[in-house]
Amino acid sequence: MSSNEQKKNAALKAAGFIENGMKLGLGTGSTAEYFVQALGARVAEGLDIVGVPTSERTRAMAETRGIPLTNLDETPHLDITVDGADELDSKLRLIKGGGGALLREKIVATASDRMIVIADVSKVVGTLGAFPLPVEVIPFGSTATVQKMADVAKEHGCEGEIRLRADEFGEPFFTDSENFIFDCHFGSIPDPDGLAAALNRIAGVVDNGLFIGICSFAIVGTDKGTDIIGQ
């Protein structure tokens, strides 16, 4: 079974947790898109929900599927956020941000009572860090900020190239909030909790892609169906 089929299995399972009247955070990325498709089908059948998208890309897709949308200013408290992950460990710690939406994803997830992560089995790892850790950084003074990031990372057992993300034209990639993303190629993150807290103490860092203590449980698509981690 392909990874896309595993993603679909996880997304369909997650859609089954959604009930009438819920206020939902809608994640960003290829796996989250399968969930938006499944949710749109349930809305077409009469499911009464409202969603908060975590990116302009997700907003556009939800609108085409007929999903009613709101925002956190109008609806500051959500029941569930469903989103994917670039990596997931056994303690439900995540790396997110491969799609460039980590800040909005974290804001929406932490405004929710629960966060359900959906992923294919390749995203489950023993140690986080093989996937480059995204860090969202304000453009002003970013060279100085990145140097401090490297120093902090070394203090937490991480070394490797910290690379400015580029768009398809080779120009700096900008997030929906008009910030840079630097991808940290550490290979392994032995202390995710400590590193996440330390990075966010650096002036110029908006947030990082380590999601610690946010995920309630994960639905992992497999060749045989789905497994649940943490419920």
C-alpha atoms as a PDB file:
ATOM      1  CA  MET A   1       0.000   0.000   0.000  1.00  0.00           C
ATOM      2  CA  SER A   2       1.331   3.444  -0.907  1.00  0.00           C
ATOM      3  CA  SER A   3       1.914   6.242   1.588  1.00  0.00           C
ATOM      4  CA  ASN A   4      -0.961   8.171   0.004  1.00  0.00           C
ATOM      5  CA  GLU A   5      -3.331   5.292   0.686  1.00  0.00           C
ATOM      6  CA  GLN A   6      -2.091   5.162   4.281  1.00  0.00           C
ATOM      7  CA  LYS A   7      -2.717   8.905   4.597  1.00  0.00           C
ATOM      8  CA  LYS A   8      -6.261   8.435   3.291  1.00  0.00           C
ATOM      9  CA  ASN A   9      -6.875   5.668   5.843  1.00  0.00           C
ATOM     10  CA  ALA A  10      -5.767   7.952   8.674  1.00  0.00           C
ATOM     11  CA  ALA A  11      -7.824  10.886   7.375  1.00  0.00           C
ATOM     12  CA  LEU A  12     -10.997   8.832   7.016  1.00  0.00           C
ATOM     13  CA  LYS A  13     -10.578   7.471  10.549  1.00  0.00           C
ATOM     14  CA  ALA A  14     -10.126  11.005  11.905  1.00  0.00           C
ATOM     15  CA  ALA A  15     -13.241  12.204  10.093  1.00  0.00           C
ATOM     16  CA  GLY A  16     -15.202   9.669  12.118  1.00  0.00           C
ATOM     17  CA  PHE A  17     -14.347  11.529  15.330  1.00  0.00           C
ATOM     18  CA  ILE A  18     -16.103  14.685  14.143  1.00  0.00           C
ATOM     19  CA  GLU A  19     -19.598  15.365  15.489  1.00  0.00           C
ATOM     20  CA  ASN A  20     -22.340  17.890  14.789  1.00  0.00           C
ATOM     21  CA  GLY A  21     -21.735  21.311  16.283  1.00  0.00           C
ATOM     22  CA  MET A  22     -17.968  20.977  16.537  1.00  0.00           C
ATOM     23  CA  LYS A  23     -15.578  23.828  15.865  1.00  0.00           C
ATOM     24  CA  LEU A  24     -12.496  22.483  14.096  1.00  0.00           C
ATOM     25  CA  GLY A  25      -8.957  23.488  13.267  1.00  0.00           C
ATOM     26  CA  LEU A  26      -8.093  22.402   9.725  1.00  0.00           C
ATOM     27  CA  GLY A  27      -4.437  21.531   9.209  1.00  0.00           C
ATOM     28  CA  THR A  28      -2.104  22.100   6.287  1.00  0.00           C
ATOM     29  CA  GLY A  29      -0.250  19.595   4.117  1.00  0.00           C
ATOM     30  CA  SER A  30      -0.900  16.543   1.986  1.00  0.00           C
ATOM     31  CA  THR A  31      -2.324  14.375   4.779  1.00  0.00           C
ATOM     32  CA  ALA A  32      -4.502  17.183   6.126  1.00  0.00           C
ATOM     33  CA  GLU A  33      -5.876  17.687   2.631  1.00  0.00           C
ATOM     34  CA  TYR A  34      -7.225  14.149   2.646  1.00  0.00           C
ATOM     35  CA  PHE A  35      -9.012  15.014   5.889  1.00  0.00           C
ATOM     36  CA  VAL A  36     -10.486  18.178   4.361  1.00  0.00           C
ATOM     37  CA  GLN A  37     -11.784  16.083   1.461  1.00  0.00           C
ATOM     38  CA  ALA A  38     -13.365  13.566   3.843  1.00  0.00           C
ATOM     39  CA  LEU A  39     -14.831  16.343   5.969  1.00  0.00           C
ATOM     40  CA  GLY A  40     -16.274  18.040   2.906  1.00  0.00           C
ATOM     41  CA  ALA A  41     -18.049  14.818   1.974  1.00  0.00           C
ATOM     42  CA  ARG A  42     -19.595  14.619   5.454  1.00  0.00           C
ATOM     43  CA  VAL A  43     -20.659  18.282   5.284  1.00  0.00           C
ATOM     44  CA  ALA A  44     -22.368  17.555   1.962  1.00  0.00           C
ATOM     45  CA  GLU A  45     -24.278  14.807   3.763  1.00  0.00           C
ATOM     46  CA  GLY A  46     -25.481  17.243   6.438  1.00  0.00           C
ATOM     47  CA  LEU A  47     -22.732  17.434   9.064  1.00  0.00           C
ATOM     48  CA  ASP A  48     -22.985  20.804  10.851  1.00  0.00           C
ATOM     49  CA  ILE A  49     -19.489  22.071  11.737  1.00  0.00           C
ATOM     50  CA  VAL A  50     -17.328  25.147  11.273  1.00  0.00           C
ATOM     51  CA  GLY A  51     -13.601  25.177  10.566  1.00  0.00           C
ATOM     52  CA  VAL A  52     -10.594  27.430  11.095  1.00  0.00           C
ATOM     53  CA  PRO A  53      -7.969  26.893   8.370  1.00  0.00           C
ATOM     54  CA  THR A  54      -4.283  27.030   9.274  1.00  0.00           C
ATOM     55  CA  SER A  55      -3.164  28.391   5.905  1.00  0.00           C
ATOM     56  CA  GLU A  56      -4.464  30.175   2.847  1.00  0.00           C
ATOM     57  CA  ARG A  57      -3.996  26.939   0.909  1.00  0.00           C
ATOM     58  CA  THR A  58      -6.255  25.052   3.316  1.00  0.00           C
ATOM     59  CA  ARG A  59      -8.769  27.902   3.264  1.00  0.00           C
ATOM     60  CA  ALA A  60      -9.066  27.698  -0.519  1.00  0.00           C
ATOM     61  CA  MET A  61      -9.480  23.923  -0.465  1.00  0.00           C
ATOM     62  CA  ALA A  62     -12.101  24.018   2.314  1.00  0.00           C
ATOM     63  CA  GLU A  63     -14.088  26.652   0.450  1.00  0.00           C
ATOM     64  CA  THR A  64     -14.193  24.500  -2.683  1.00  0.00           C
ATOM     65  CA  ARG A  65     -15.483  21.593  -0.556  1.00  0.00           C
ATOM     66  CA  GLY A  66     -18.307  23.680   0.914  1.00  0.00           C
ATOM     67  CA  ILE A  67     -16.941  23.650   4.490  1.00  0.00           C
ATOM     68  CA  PRO A  68     -18.181  26.640   6.553  1.00  0.00           C
ATOM     69  CA  LEU A  69     -15.227  28.674   7.829  1.00  0.00           C
ATOM     70  CA  THR A  70     -14.521  31.103  10.626  1.00  0.00           C
ATOM     71  CA  ASN A  71     -11.400  32.489  12.324  1.00  0.00           C
ATOM     72  CA  LEU A  72      -9.952  32.602  15.816  1.00  0.00           C
ATOM     73  CA  ASP A  73     -11.062  36.188  16.381  1.00  0.00           C
ATOM     74  CA  GLU A  74     -14.686  35.155  15.883  1.00  0.00           C
ATOM     75  CA  THR A  75     -14.256  31.659  17.364  1.00  0.00           C
ATOM     76  CA  PRO A  76     -11.318  31.665  19.798  1.00  0.00           C
ATOM     77  CA  HIS A  77     -12.026  28.243  21.301  1.00  0.00           C
ATOM     78  CA  LEU A  78     -12.049  25.081  19.182  1.00  0.00           C
ATOM     79  CA  ASP A  79     -13.001  21.498  19.963  1.00  0.00           C
ATOM     80  CA  ILE A  80     -10.499  19.618  17.802  1.00  0.00           C
ATOM     81  CA  THR A  81      -7.690  20.348  15.380  1.00  0.00           C
ATOM     82  CA  VAL A  82      -6.820  17.656  12.849  1.00  0.00           C
ATOM     83  CA  ASP A  83      -3.422  18.039  11.214  1.00  0.00           C
ATOM     84  CA  GLY A  84      -0.519  16.058   9.828  1.00  0.00           C
ATOM     85  CA  ALA A  85       3.087  15.847  10.996  1.00  0.00           C
ATOM     86  CA  ASP A  86       6.476  15.594   9.356  1.00  0.00           C
ATOM     87  CA  GLU A  87       7.719  13.429  12.233  1.00  0.00           C
ATOM     88  CA  LEU A  88       6.066  11.869  15.272  1.00  0.00           C
ATOM     89  CA  ASP A  89       7.638  10.012  18.193  1.00  0.00           C
ATOM     90  CA  SER A  90       6.207   7.649  20.812  1.00  0.00           C
ATOM     91  CA  LYS A  91       5.710  10.557  23.268  1.00  0.00           C
ATOM     92  CA  LEU A  92       3.523  12.388  20.718  1.00  0.00           C
ATOM     93  CA  ARG A  93       6.176  15.015  20.139  1.00  0.00           C
ATOM     94  CA  LEU A  94       6.083  16.345  16.588  1.00  0.00           C
ATOM     95  CA  ILE A  95       8.086  18.131  13.962  1.00  0.00           C
ATOM     96  CA  LYS A  96       5.809  20.238  11.772  1.00  0.00           C
ATOM     97  CA  GLY A  97       6.301  23.030   9.287  1.00  0.00           C
ATOM     98  CA  GLY A  98       7.367  21.292   6.115  1.00  0.00           C
ATOM     99  CA  GLY A  99       4.545  23.109   4.369  1.00  0.00           C
ATOM    100  CA  GLY A 100       5.526  26.452   5.862  1.00  0.00           C
ATOM    101  CA  ALA A 101       2.493  26.940   8.133  1.00  0.00           C
ATOM    102  CA  LEU A 102       3.926  25.975  11.536  1.00  0.00           C
ATOM    103  CA  LEU A 103       3.034  29.236  13.303  1.00  0.00           C
ATOM    104  CA  ARG A 104      -0.626  29.248  12.348  1.00  0.00           C
ATOM    105  CA  GLU A 105      -0.789  25.485  12.878  1.00  0.00           C
ATOM    106  CA  LYS A 106       0.501  25.857  16.438  1.00  0.00           C
ATOM    107  CA  ILE A 107      -1.784  28.795  17.227  1.00  0.00           C
ATOM    108  CA  VAL A 108      -4.838  26.879  16.031  1.00  0.00           C
ATOM    109  CA  ALA A 109      -3.802  23.616  17.705  1.00  0.00           C
ATOM    110  CA  THR A 110      -3.273  25.281  21.091  1.00  0.00           C
ATOM    111  CA  ALA A 111      -6.665  26.993  20.816  1.00  0.00           C
ATOM    112  CA  SER A 112      -8.250  23.525  20.651  1.00  0.00           C
ATOM    113  CA  ASP A 113      -9.259  21.112  23.386  1.00  0.00           C
ATOM    114  CA  ARG A 114      -7.620  18.276  21.445  1.00  0.00           C
ATOM    115  CA  MET A 115      -5.235  17.867  18.557  1.00  0.00           C
ATOM    116  CA  ILE A 116      -5.486  14.720  16.442  1.00  0.00           C
ATOM    117  CA  VAL A 117      -2.463  14.030  14.279  1.00  0.00           C
ATOM    118  CA  ILE A 118      -2.909  11.972  11.127  1.00  0.00           C
ATOM    119  CA  ALA A 119       0.081  10.441   9.364  1.00  0.00           C
ATOM    120  CA  ASP A 120       1.349   7.543   7.308  1.00  0.00           C
ATOM    121  CA  VAL A 121       3.582   5.029   9.040  1.00  0.00           C
ATOM    122  CA  SER A 122       6.806   6.534   7.656  1.00  0.00           C
ATOM    123  CA  LYS A 123       6.317   9.601   9.870  1.00  0.00           C
ATOM    124  CA  VAL A 124       6.677   7.589  13.099  1.00  0.00           C
ATOM    125  CA  VAL A 125      10.291   7.747  14.322  1.00  0.00           C
ATOM    126  CA  GLY A 126      12.314   6.704  17.345  1.00  0.00           C
ATOM    127  CA  THR A 127      14.153  10.038  17.576  1.00  0.00           C
ATOM    128  CA  LEU A 128      13.070  13.332  16.065  1.00  0.00           C
ATOM    129  CA  GLY A 129      15.376  15.251  13.764  1.00  0.00           C
ATOM    130  CA  ALA A 130      15.927  13.359  10.511  1.00  0.00           C
ATOM    131  CA  PHE A 131      13.358  15.732   9.020  1.00  0.00           C
ATOM    132  CA  PRO A 132      14.887  19.237   9.084  1.00  0.00           C
ATOM    133  CA  LEU A 133      13.403  21.297  11.919  1.00  0.00           C
ATOM    134  CA  PRO A 134      11.695  24.450  10.572  1.00  0.00           C
ATOM    135  CA  VAL A 135      12.066  27.659  12.565  1.00  0.00           C
ATOM    136  CA  GLU A 136      10.065  30.766  11.634  1.00  0.00           C
ATOM    137  CA  VAL A 137      12.196  33.900  11.912  1.00  0.00           C
ATOM    138  CA  ILE A 138      11.529  37.623  11.458  1.00  0.00           C
ATOM    139  CA  PRO A 139      13.508  38.861   8.420  1.00  0.00           C
ATOM    140  CA  PHE A 140      15.044  41.806  10.294  1.00  0.00           C
ATOM    141  CA  GLY A 141      18.402  40.765  11.727  1.00  0.00           C
ATOM    142  CA  SER A 142      17.927  37.158  10.638  1.00  0.00           C
ATOM    143  CA  THR A 143      21.670  36.479  10.260  1.00  0.00           C
ATOM    144  CA  ALA A 144      22.231  37.327  13.922  1.00  0.00           C
ATOM    145  CA  THR A 145      19.166  35.313  14.908  1.00  0.00           C
ATOM    146  CA  VAL A 146      20.432  32.237  13.059  1.00  0.00           C
ATOM    147  CA  GLN A 147      23.816  32.473  14.764  1.00  0.00           C
ATOM    148  CA  LYS A 148      22.082  32.430  18.136  1.00  0.00           C
ATOM    149  CA  MET A 149      19.977  29.490  16.978  1.00  0.00           C
ATOM    150  CA  ALA A 150      23.149  27.549  16.130  1.00  0.00           C
ATOM    151  CA  ASP A 151      24.653  28.329  19.537  1.00  0.00           C
ATOM    152  CA  VAL A 152      21.501  27.251  21.375  1.00  0.00           C
ATOM    153  CA  ALA A 153      21.196  24.095  19.296  1.00  0.00           C
ATOM    154  CA  LYS A 154      24.776  23.093  20.115  1.00  0.00           C
ATOM    155  CA  GLU A 155      24.025  23.490  23.825  1.00  0.00           C
ATOM    156  CA  HIS A 156      21.232  20.923  23.342  1.00  0.00           C
ATOM    157  CA  GLY A 157      23.300  18.394  21.420  1.00  0.00           C
ATOM    158  CA  CYS A 158      22.348  19.484  17.888  1.00  0.00           C
ATOM    159  CA  GLU A 159      24.664  20.524  15.081  1.00  0.00           C
ATOM    160  CA  GLY A 160      24.151  20.853  11.350  1.00  0.00           C
ATOM    161  CA  GLU A 161      23.434  23.274   8.551  1.00  0.00           C
ATOM    162  CA  ILE A 162      20.737  25.883   9.147  1.00  0.00           C
ATOM    163  CA  ARG A 163      19.438  26.771   5.703  1.00  0.00           C
ATOM    164  CA  LEU A 164      17.127  29.585   4.576  1.00  0.00           C
ATOM    165  CA  ARG A 165      14.143  28.028   2.797  1.00  0.00           C
ATOM    166  CA  ALA A 166      13.711  29.087  -0.816  1.00  0.00           C
ATOM    167  CA  ASP A 167      10.625  29.145  -3.008  1.00  0.00           C
ATOM    168  CA  GLU A 168      10.281  27.549  -6.439  1.00  0.00           C
ATOM    169  CA  PHE A 169      12.049  30.535  -8.026  1.00  0.00           C
ATOM    170  CA  GLY A 170      15.059  30.325  -5.723  1.00  0.00           C
ATOM    171  CA  GLU A 171      13.982  33.396  -3.767  1.00  0.00           C
ATOM    172  CA  PRO A 172      13.446  33.384   0.012  1.00  0.00           C
ATOM    173  CA  PHE A 173      10.221  31.612   0.978  1.00  0.00           C
ATOM    174  CA  PHE A 174       7.820  33.780   2.967  1.00  0.00           C
ATOM    175  CA  THR A 175       5.189  32.366   5.302  1.00  0.00           C
ATOM    176  CA  ASP A 176       1.582  33.598   5.322  1.00  0.00           C
ATOM    177  CA  SER A 177       2.747  35.947   8.095  1.00  0.00           C
ATOM    178  CA  GLU A 178       5.586  37.291   5.886  1.00  0.00           C
ATOM    179  CA  ASN A 179       8.426  35.681   7.822  1.00  0.00           C
ATOM    180  CA  PHE A 180      11.390  33.526   6.790  1.00  0.00           C
ATOM    181  CA  ILE A 181      11.739  29.838   7.565  1.00  0.00           C
ATOM    182  CA  PHE A 182      15.127  28.364   8.351  1.00  0.00           C
ATOM    183  CA  ASP A 183      15.387  24.582   8.121  1.00  0.00           C
ATOM    184  CA  CYS A 184      17.756  23.059  10.682  1.00  0.00           C
ATOM    185  CA  HIS A 185      19.449  19.903   9.388  1.00  0.00           C
ATOM    186  CA  PHE A 186      20.383  18.365  12.731  1.00  0.00           C
ATOM    187  CA  GLY A 187      19.806  14.700  11.912  1.00  0.00           C
ATOM    188  CA  SER A 188      18.891  13.954  15.525  1.00  0.00           C
ATOM    189  CA  ILE A 189      17.347  15.991  18.352  1.00  0.00           C
ATOM    190  CA  PRO A 190      18.194  14.314  21.676  1.00  0.00           C
ATOM    191  CA  ASP A 191      16.327  16.874  23.810  1.00  0.00           C
ATOM    192  CA  PRO A 192      13.255  18.125  21.895  1.00  0.00           C
ATOM    193  CA  ASP A 193      11.627  19.682  24.977  1.00  0.00           C
ATOM    194  CA  GLY A 194      14.696  21.699  25.938  1.00  0.00           C
ATOM    195  CA  LEU A 195      15.516  22.758  22.392  1.00  0.00           C
ATOM    196  CA  ALA A 196      11.959  23.934  21.687  1.00  0.00           C
ATOM    197  CA  ALA A 197      11.912  26.131  24.787  1.00  0.00           C
ATOM    198  CA  ALA A 198      15.403  27.520  24.173  1.00  0.00           C
ATOM    199  CA  LEU A 199      14.769  28.430  20.541  1.00  0.00           C
ATOM    200  CA  ASN A 200      11.652  30.370  21.458  1.00  0.00           C
ATOM    201  CA  ARG A 201      13.622  32.489  23.930  1.00  0.00           C
ATOM    202  CA  ILE A 202      15.724  33.928  21.086  1.00  0.00           C
ATOM    203  CA  ALA A 203      14.702  37.408  19.973  1.00  0.00           C
ATOM    204  CA  GLY A 204      13.766  37.194  16.309  1.00  0.00           C
ATOM    205  CA  VAL A 205      12.459  33.626  16.489  1.00  0.00           C
ATOM    206  CA  VAL A 206       8.689  33.663  16.027  1.00  0.00           C
ATOM    207  CA  ASP A 207       8.214  29.950  16.748  1.00  0.00           C
ATOM    208  CA  ASN A 208       9.692  26.579  15.915  1.00  0.00           C
ATOM    209  CA  GLY A 209       8.312  23.385  14.428  1.00  0.00           C
ATOM    210  CA  LEU A 210       8.618  21.276  17.568  1.00  0.00           C
ATOM    211  CA  PHE A 211       5.113  20.641  18.896  1.00  0.00           C
ATOM    212  CA  ILE A 212       5.549  19.492  22.500  1.00  0.00           C
ATOM    213  CA  GLY A 213       2.623  18.516  24.727  1.00  0.00           C
ATOM    214  CA  ILE A 214       0.055  19.554  22.118  1.00  0.00           C
ATOM    215  CA  CYS A 215      -0.974  16.336  20.345  1.00  0.00           C
ATOM    216  CA  SER A 216      -3.694  14.350  22.135  1.00  0.00           C
ATOM    217  CA  PHE A 217      -3.345  11.216  20.032  1.00  0.00           C
ATOM    218  CA  ALA A 218      -2.198  10.165  16.583  1.00  0.00           C
ATOM    219  CA  ILE A 219      -3.918   8.093  13.924  1.00  0.00           C
ATOM    220  CA  VAL A 220      -1.328   6.316  11.809  1.00  0.00           C
ATOM    221  CA  GLY A 221      -2.341   4.846   8.488  1.00  0.00           C
ATOM    222  CA  THR A 222      -0.874   1.420   7.808  1.00  0.00           C
ATOM    223  CA  ASP A 223      -1.141  -1.257   5.121  1.00  0.00           C
ATOM    224  CA  LYS A 224      -3.801  -2.968   7.250  1.00  0.00           C
ATOM    225  CA  GLY A 225      -5.815   0.103   8.218  1.00  0.00           C
ATOM    226  CA  THR A 226      -4.909   2.393  11.115  1.00  0.00           C
ATOM    227  CA  ASP A 227      -3.131   2.321  14.448  1.00  0.00           C
ATOM    228  CA  ILE A 228      -3.723   4.827  17.242  1.00  0.00           C
ATOM    229  CA  ILE A 229      -0.874   6.140  19.381  1.00  0.00           C
ATOM    230  CA  GLY A 230      -1.635   7.702  22.727  1.00  0.00           C
ATOM    231  CA  GLN A 231      -5.390   7.270  23.133  1.00  0.00           C
END
